[in-house]
N, C-alpha and C. Protein backbone atom coordinates (compact mmCIF):
# COMPACT_ATOMS: atom_id res chain seq x y z
N MET A 1 3.05 -15.89 -18.96
CA MET A 1 2.41 -16.89 -18.12
C MET A 1 2.77 -16.58 -16.67
N VAL A 2 1.80 -16.70 -15.80
CA VAL A 2 2.04 -16.46 -14.38
C VAL A 2 2.88 -17.59 -13.79
N ARG A 3 3.51 -17.28 -12.67
CA ARG A 3 4.27 -18.28 -11.92
C ARG A 3 3.96 -18.10 -10.45
N ILE A 4 4.22 -19.11 -9.65
CA ILE A 4 4.03 -18.96 -8.21
C ILE A 4 5.17 -18.09 -7.71
N GLY A 5 4.83 -16.88 -7.32
CA GLY A 5 5.83 -15.94 -6.81
C GLY A 5 5.96 -16.02 -5.31
N ALA A 6 4.84 -16.29 -4.63
CA ALA A 6 4.86 -16.37 -3.17
C ALA A 6 3.77 -17.31 -2.69
N ILE A 7 4.05 -17.94 -1.59
CA ILE A 7 3.05 -18.70 -0.86
C ILE A 7 2.81 -17.92 0.42
N VAL A 8 1.58 -17.47 0.61
CA VAL A 8 1.22 -16.73 1.81
C VAL A 8 0.77 -17.77 2.83
N LEU A 9 1.45 -17.81 3.97
CA LEU A 9 1.19 -18.81 4.99
C LEU A 9 0.68 -18.14 6.25
N ASN A 10 -0.51 -18.50 6.66
CA ASN A 10 -1.08 -17.96 7.89
C ASN A 10 -0.40 -18.60 9.08
N VAL A 11 0.21 -17.77 9.94
CA VAL A 11 0.86 -18.22 11.17
C VAL A 11 0.39 -17.34 12.31
N SER A 12 0.37 -17.89 13.52
CA SER A 12 -0.06 -17.10 14.67
C SER A 12 1.04 -16.19 15.18
N ASP A 13 2.30 -16.54 14.94
CA ASP A 13 3.45 -15.75 15.40
C ASP A 13 4.47 -15.74 14.26
N THR A 14 4.62 -14.58 13.60
CA THR A 14 5.49 -14.52 12.43
C THR A 14 6.96 -14.74 12.78
N GLY A 15 7.37 -14.32 13.97
CA GLY A 15 8.76 -14.55 14.38
C GLY A 15 9.05 -16.02 14.55
N ARG A 16 8.18 -16.71 15.28
CA ARG A 16 8.35 -18.14 15.50
C ARG A 16 8.22 -18.90 14.18
N GLY A 17 7.21 -18.51 13.36
CA GLY A 17 7.05 -19.15 12.07
C GLY A 17 8.25 -18.94 11.17
N GLY A 18 8.80 -17.72 11.20
CA GLY A 18 9.99 -17.43 10.39
C GLY A 18 11.19 -18.24 10.82
N ASP A 19 11.37 -18.39 12.13
CA ASP A 19 12.47 -19.21 12.63
C ASP A 19 12.32 -20.65 12.16
N PHE A 20 11.11 -21.19 12.30
CA PHE A 20 10.88 -22.59 11.92
C PHE A 20 11.05 -22.79 10.41
N TRP A 21 10.32 -22.00 9.61
CA TRP A 21 10.31 -22.24 8.18
C TRP A 21 11.64 -21.91 7.51
N SER A 22 12.37 -20.93 8.03
CA SER A 22 13.68 -20.64 7.44
C SER A 22 14.62 -21.82 7.64
N ARG A 23 14.57 -22.44 8.82
CA ARG A 23 15.42 -23.62 9.06
C ARG A 23 14.89 -24.84 8.32
N ALA A 24 13.57 -25.02 8.28
CA ALA A 24 12.99 -26.19 7.64
C ALA A 24 13.25 -26.20 6.13
N LEU A 25 13.21 -25.03 5.49
CA LEU A 25 13.32 -24.95 4.03
C LEU A 25 14.68 -24.46 3.55
N GLY A 26 15.54 -24.02 4.48
CA GLY A 26 16.80 -23.43 4.07
C GLY A 26 16.62 -22.06 3.45
N TYR A 27 15.56 -21.38 3.83
CA TYR A 27 15.28 -20.03 3.33
C TYR A 27 15.96 -19.01 4.25
N GLN A 28 16.09 -17.79 3.75
CA GLN A 28 16.66 -16.71 4.55
C GLN A 28 15.67 -15.56 4.62
N ARG A 29 15.76 -14.77 5.67
CA ARG A 29 14.87 -13.62 5.82
C ARG A 29 15.31 -12.52 4.86
N GLY A 30 14.33 -11.87 4.26
CA GLY A 30 14.60 -10.76 3.36
C GLY A 30 14.65 -9.46 4.14
N ASP A 31 14.59 -8.33 3.42
CA ASP A 31 14.58 -7.03 4.06
C ASP A 31 13.34 -6.89 4.94
N ASN A 32 12.24 -7.47 4.50
CA ASN A 32 11.01 -7.50 5.29
C ASN A 32 11.03 -8.82 6.06
N PRO A 33 10.99 -8.79 7.40
CA PRO A 33 11.11 -10.03 8.18
C PRO A 33 9.96 -11.01 7.97
N HIS A 34 8.88 -10.56 7.34
CA HIS A 34 7.76 -11.46 7.06
C HIS A 34 7.95 -12.25 5.76
N PHE A 35 9.01 -11.93 5.00
CA PHE A 35 9.29 -12.62 3.75
C PHE A 35 10.52 -13.51 3.93
N LEU A 36 10.38 -14.77 3.58
CA LEU A 36 11.51 -15.69 3.57
C LEU A 36 11.83 -15.99 2.12
N LEU A 37 13.11 -15.92 1.79
CA LEU A 37 13.55 -16.08 0.40
C LEU A 37 14.40 -17.34 0.26
N PRO A 38 14.28 -18.04 -0.85
CA PRO A 38 15.11 -19.23 -1.06
C PRO A 38 16.59 -18.83 -1.06
N SER A 39 17.39 -19.54 -0.31
CA SER A 39 18.83 -19.23 -0.24
C SER A 39 19.51 -19.44 -1.57
N ALA A 40 19.05 -20.41 -2.34
CA ALA A 40 19.66 -20.70 -3.63
C ALA A 40 19.14 -19.80 -4.75
N GLY A 41 18.16 -18.96 -4.46
CA GLY A 41 17.65 -18.02 -5.45
C GLY A 41 16.48 -18.52 -6.28
N GLY A 42 16.20 -19.81 -6.29
CA GLY A 42 15.08 -20.33 -7.07
C GLY A 42 13.89 -20.65 -6.19
N GLY A 43 12.73 -20.63 -6.77
CA GLY A 43 11.53 -20.99 -6.04
C GLY A 43 10.80 -19.77 -5.49
N PRO A 44 9.57 -19.99 -5.06
CA PRO A 44 8.76 -18.88 -4.55
C PRO A 44 9.21 -18.43 -3.16
N ARG A 45 8.92 -17.18 -2.85
CA ARG A 45 9.20 -16.72 -1.49
C ARG A 45 8.04 -17.17 -0.60
N LEU A 46 8.29 -17.19 0.68
CA LEU A 46 7.28 -17.54 1.67
C LEU A 46 6.93 -16.27 2.42
N HIS A 47 5.67 -15.88 2.40
CA HIS A 47 5.19 -14.67 3.06
C HIS A 47 4.42 -15.10 4.29
N LEU A 48 4.93 -14.78 5.47
CA LEU A 48 4.29 -15.15 6.73
C LEU A 48 3.34 -14.04 7.15
N ASP A 49 2.10 -14.40 7.45
CA ASP A 49 1.09 -13.40 7.76
C ASP A 49 0.16 -13.91 8.84
N ALA A 50 -0.05 -13.11 9.86
CA ALA A 50 -0.92 -13.51 10.97
C ALA A 50 -2.38 -13.16 10.73
N THR A 51 -2.67 -12.38 9.68
CA THR A 51 -4.05 -11.93 9.48
C THR A 51 -4.68 -12.46 8.19
N ASP A 52 -3.88 -12.92 7.26
CA ASP A 52 -4.39 -13.38 5.97
C ASP A 52 -4.47 -14.90 5.96
N ARG A 53 -5.34 -15.44 5.13
CA ARG A 53 -5.41 -16.90 5.03
C ARG A 53 -4.33 -17.42 4.09
N THR A 54 -4.03 -18.68 4.21
CA THR A 54 -3.03 -19.31 3.36
C THR A 54 -3.53 -19.33 1.91
N HIS A 55 -2.68 -18.88 1.00
CA HIS A 55 -3.04 -18.86 -0.42
C HIS A 55 -1.80 -18.67 -1.29
N LEU A 56 -1.97 -18.86 -2.58
CA LEU A 56 -0.89 -18.64 -3.54
C LEU A 56 -0.98 -17.22 -4.09
N ASP A 57 0.18 -16.61 -4.31
CA ASP A 57 0.28 -15.38 -5.08
C ASP A 57 0.92 -15.75 -6.42
N LEU A 58 0.17 -15.58 -7.49
CA LEU A 58 0.70 -15.84 -8.83
C LEU A 58 1.19 -14.51 -9.39
N TRP A 59 2.42 -14.46 -9.82
CA TRP A 59 3.02 -13.22 -10.29
C TRP A 59 2.98 -13.13 -11.81
N ALA A 60 2.52 -11.98 -12.27
CA ALA A 60 2.56 -11.62 -13.69
C ALA A 60 3.62 -10.53 -13.85
N ALA A 61 4.22 -10.45 -15.02
CA ALA A 61 5.34 -9.52 -15.25
C ALA A 61 4.93 -8.06 -15.19
N ASP A 62 3.72 -7.75 -15.67
CA ASP A 62 3.28 -6.36 -15.72
C ASP A 62 1.74 -6.33 -15.73
N GLU A 63 1.18 -5.13 -15.81
CA GLU A 63 -0.28 -4.99 -15.75
C GLU A 63 -0.98 -5.66 -16.94
N ASP A 64 -0.40 -5.55 -18.12
CA ASP A 64 -1.02 -6.18 -19.29
C ASP A 64 -1.09 -7.70 -19.12
N GLU A 65 0.02 -8.28 -18.69
CA GLU A 65 0.03 -9.73 -18.47
C GLU A 65 -0.93 -10.11 -17.34
N GLN A 66 -0.98 -9.30 -16.30
CA GLN A 66 -1.90 -9.57 -15.19
C GLN A 66 -3.35 -9.63 -15.68
N LEU A 67 -3.76 -8.63 -16.46
CA LEU A 67 -5.13 -8.60 -16.96
C LEU A 67 -5.41 -9.78 -17.89
N ALA A 68 -4.45 -10.12 -18.75
CA ALA A 68 -4.62 -11.27 -19.65
C ALA A 68 -4.72 -12.56 -18.86
N GLU A 69 -3.92 -12.70 -17.81
CA GLU A 69 -3.94 -13.92 -17.00
C GLU A 69 -5.24 -14.04 -16.20
N VAL A 70 -5.75 -12.92 -15.70
CA VAL A 70 -7.03 -12.95 -14.99
C VAL A 70 -8.11 -13.46 -15.94
N GLU A 71 -8.12 -12.95 -17.15
CA GLU A 71 -9.11 -13.40 -18.14
C GLU A 71 -8.92 -14.88 -18.47
N ARG A 72 -7.67 -15.30 -18.66
CA ARG A 72 -7.38 -16.71 -18.98
C ARG A 72 -7.83 -17.62 -17.85
N LEU A 73 -7.53 -17.24 -16.62
CA LEU A 73 -7.88 -18.07 -15.47
C LEU A 73 -9.40 -18.14 -15.28
N GLN A 74 -10.08 -17.03 -15.56
CA GLN A 74 -11.53 -17.04 -15.48
C GLN A 74 -12.11 -17.97 -16.56
N ALA A 75 -11.51 -17.98 -17.73
CA ALA A 75 -11.97 -18.88 -18.78
C ALA A 75 -11.76 -20.34 -18.40
N LEU A 76 -10.79 -20.60 -17.52
CA LEU A 76 -10.54 -21.96 -17.04
C LEU A 76 -11.46 -22.36 -15.90
N GLY A 77 -12.22 -21.39 -15.36
CA GLY A 77 -13.15 -21.71 -14.28
C GLY A 77 -12.97 -20.93 -13.01
N ALA A 78 -11.97 -20.06 -12.95
CA ALA A 78 -11.80 -19.22 -11.76
C ALA A 78 -12.90 -18.15 -11.74
N THR A 79 -13.20 -17.66 -10.56
CA THR A 79 -14.17 -16.57 -10.41
C THR A 79 -13.53 -15.44 -9.63
N ARG A 80 -13.95 -14.23 -9.94
CA ARG A 80 -13.46 -13.05 -9.23
C ARG A 80 -14.15 -13.00 -7.87
N VAL A 81 -13.37 -12.69 -6.84
CA VAL A 81 -13.87 -12.64 -5.47
C VAL A 81 -14.10 -11.18 -5.08
N ALA A 82 -15.26 -10.90 -4.49
CA ALA A 82 -15.50 -9.55 -3.96
C ALA A 82 -14.49 -9.30 -2.85
N TRP A 83 -13.76 -8.20 -2.94
CA TRP A 83 -12.66 -7.95 -2.01
C TRP A 83 -12.59 -6.47 -1.71
N ASP A 84 -12.19 -6.12 -0.53
CA ASP A 84 -11.98 -4.72 -0.14
C ASP A 84 -10.54 -4.36 -0.49
N TYR A 85 -10.33 -3.88 -1.71
CA TYR A 85 -8.99 -3.59 -2.21
C TYR A 85 -8.48 -2.25 -1.69
N PRO A 86 -7.18 -2.18 -1.35
CA PRO A 86 -6.59 -0.87 -1.05
C PRO A 86 -6.53 -0.05 -2.34
N GLU A 87 -6.39 1.25 -2.20
CA GLU A 87 -6.39 2.16 -3.35
C GLU A 87 -5.29 1.82 -4.35
N ASP A 88 -4.13 1.40 -3.87
CA ASP A 88 -2.99 1.13 -4.75
C ASP A 88 -2.78 -0.38 -4.98
N ALA A 89 -3.86 -1.14 -4.98
CA ALA A 89 -3.76 -2.60 -5.11
C ALA A 89 -3.03 -3.01 -6.38
N ASP A 90 -2.10 -3.94 -6.24
CA ASP A 90 -1.39 -4.50 -7.39
C ASP A 90 -1.80 -5.95 -7.61
N PHE A 91 -2.92 -6.36 -7.03
CA PHE A 91 -3.37 -7.75 -7.09
C PHE A 91 -4.86 -7.83 -7.37
N VAL A 92 -5.26 -8.99 -7.90
CA VAL A 92 -6.66 -9.30 -8.14
C VAL A 92 -6.92 -10.63 -7.43
N VAL A 93 -7.99 -10.71 -6.67
CA VAL A 93 -8.32 -11.92 -5.93
C VAL A 93 -9.31 -12.76 -6.74
N LEU A 94 -8.92 -14.00 -6.96
CA LEU A 94 -9.76 -14.96 -7.67
C LEU A 94 -9.95 -16.19 -6.78
N ALA A 95 -10.88 -17.04 -7.16
CA ALA A 95 -11.06 -18.33 -6.49
C ALA A 95 -11.07 -19.41 -7.56
N ASP A 96 -10.48 -20.55 -7.23
CA ASP A 96 -10.52 -21.68 -8.15
C ASP A 96 -11.90 -22.33 -8.10
N PRO A 97 -12.18 -23.32 -8.92
CA PRO A 97 -13.52 -23.92 -8.93
C PRO A 97 -13.96 -24.52 -7.59
N ASP A 98 -13.01 -24.82 -6.69
CA ASP A 98 -13.36 -25.33 -5.37
C ASP A 98 -13.48 -24.24 -4.31
N GLY A 99 -13.29 -22.99 -4.72
CA GLY A 99 -13.42 -21.88 -3.78
C GLY A 99 -12.14 -21.46 -3.08
N ASN A 100 -11.00 -22.06 -3.44
CA ASN A 100 -9.72 -21.67 -2.85
C ASN A 100 -9.28 -20.35 -3.45
N VAL A 101 -9.05 -19.36 -2.60
CA VAL A 101 -8.66 -18.04 -3.11
C VAL A 101 -7.18 -18.02 -3.46
N PHE A 102 -6.84 -17.18 -4.43
CA PHE A 102 -5.47 -16.91 -4.81
C PHE A 102 -5.42 -15.52 -5.42
N CYS A 103 -4.24 -14.96 -5.50
CA CYS A 103 -4.09 -13.63 -6.04
C CYS A 103 -3.26 -13.67 -7.32
N VAL A 104 -3.60 -12.80 -8.25
CA VAL A 104 -2.78 -12.56 -9.44
C VAL A 104 -2.18 -11.18 -9.24
N VAL A 105 -0.86 -11.16 -9.08
CA VAL A 105 -0.15 -9.94 -8.68
C VAL A 105 0.61 -9.36 -9.87
N ASN A 106 0.53 -8.06 -10.03
CA ASN A 106 1.36 -7.35 -11.00
C ASN A 106 2.72 -7.17 -10.34
N ALA A 107 3.65 -8.09 -10.60
CA ALA A 107 4.96 -8.06 -9.96
C ALA A 107 5.80 -6.87 -10.43
N GLY A 108 5.41 -6.25 -11.53
CA GLY A 108 6.15 -5.10 -12.02
C GLY A 108 5.74 -3.79 -11.39
N ALA A 109 4.69 -3.81 -10.56
CA ALA A 109 4.18 -2.58 -9.94
C ALA A 109 5.10 -2.11 -8.83
């Protein structure tokens, strides 16, 4: 079963956003300064991005689970979104019945 692995948050300034959200949530910066991680180890990471829209990243354990979850979510009413994927994409972009996009990520990739 997928879980919320990351919340991608659109911010105009990742440094300022990182300063605010790390203090607001008690998160700490990871090796990548755009990722904020829960200090206590539980919960999704926060991915700060100035170019992407706000959305959820749902993490699957491996490629098999990712494909099964994409099928399951489509059966629940999600639709696949036309997307310009990079060659080494580890994610699939879907939209919920209201058109909100989210990604199903192969976290094992």
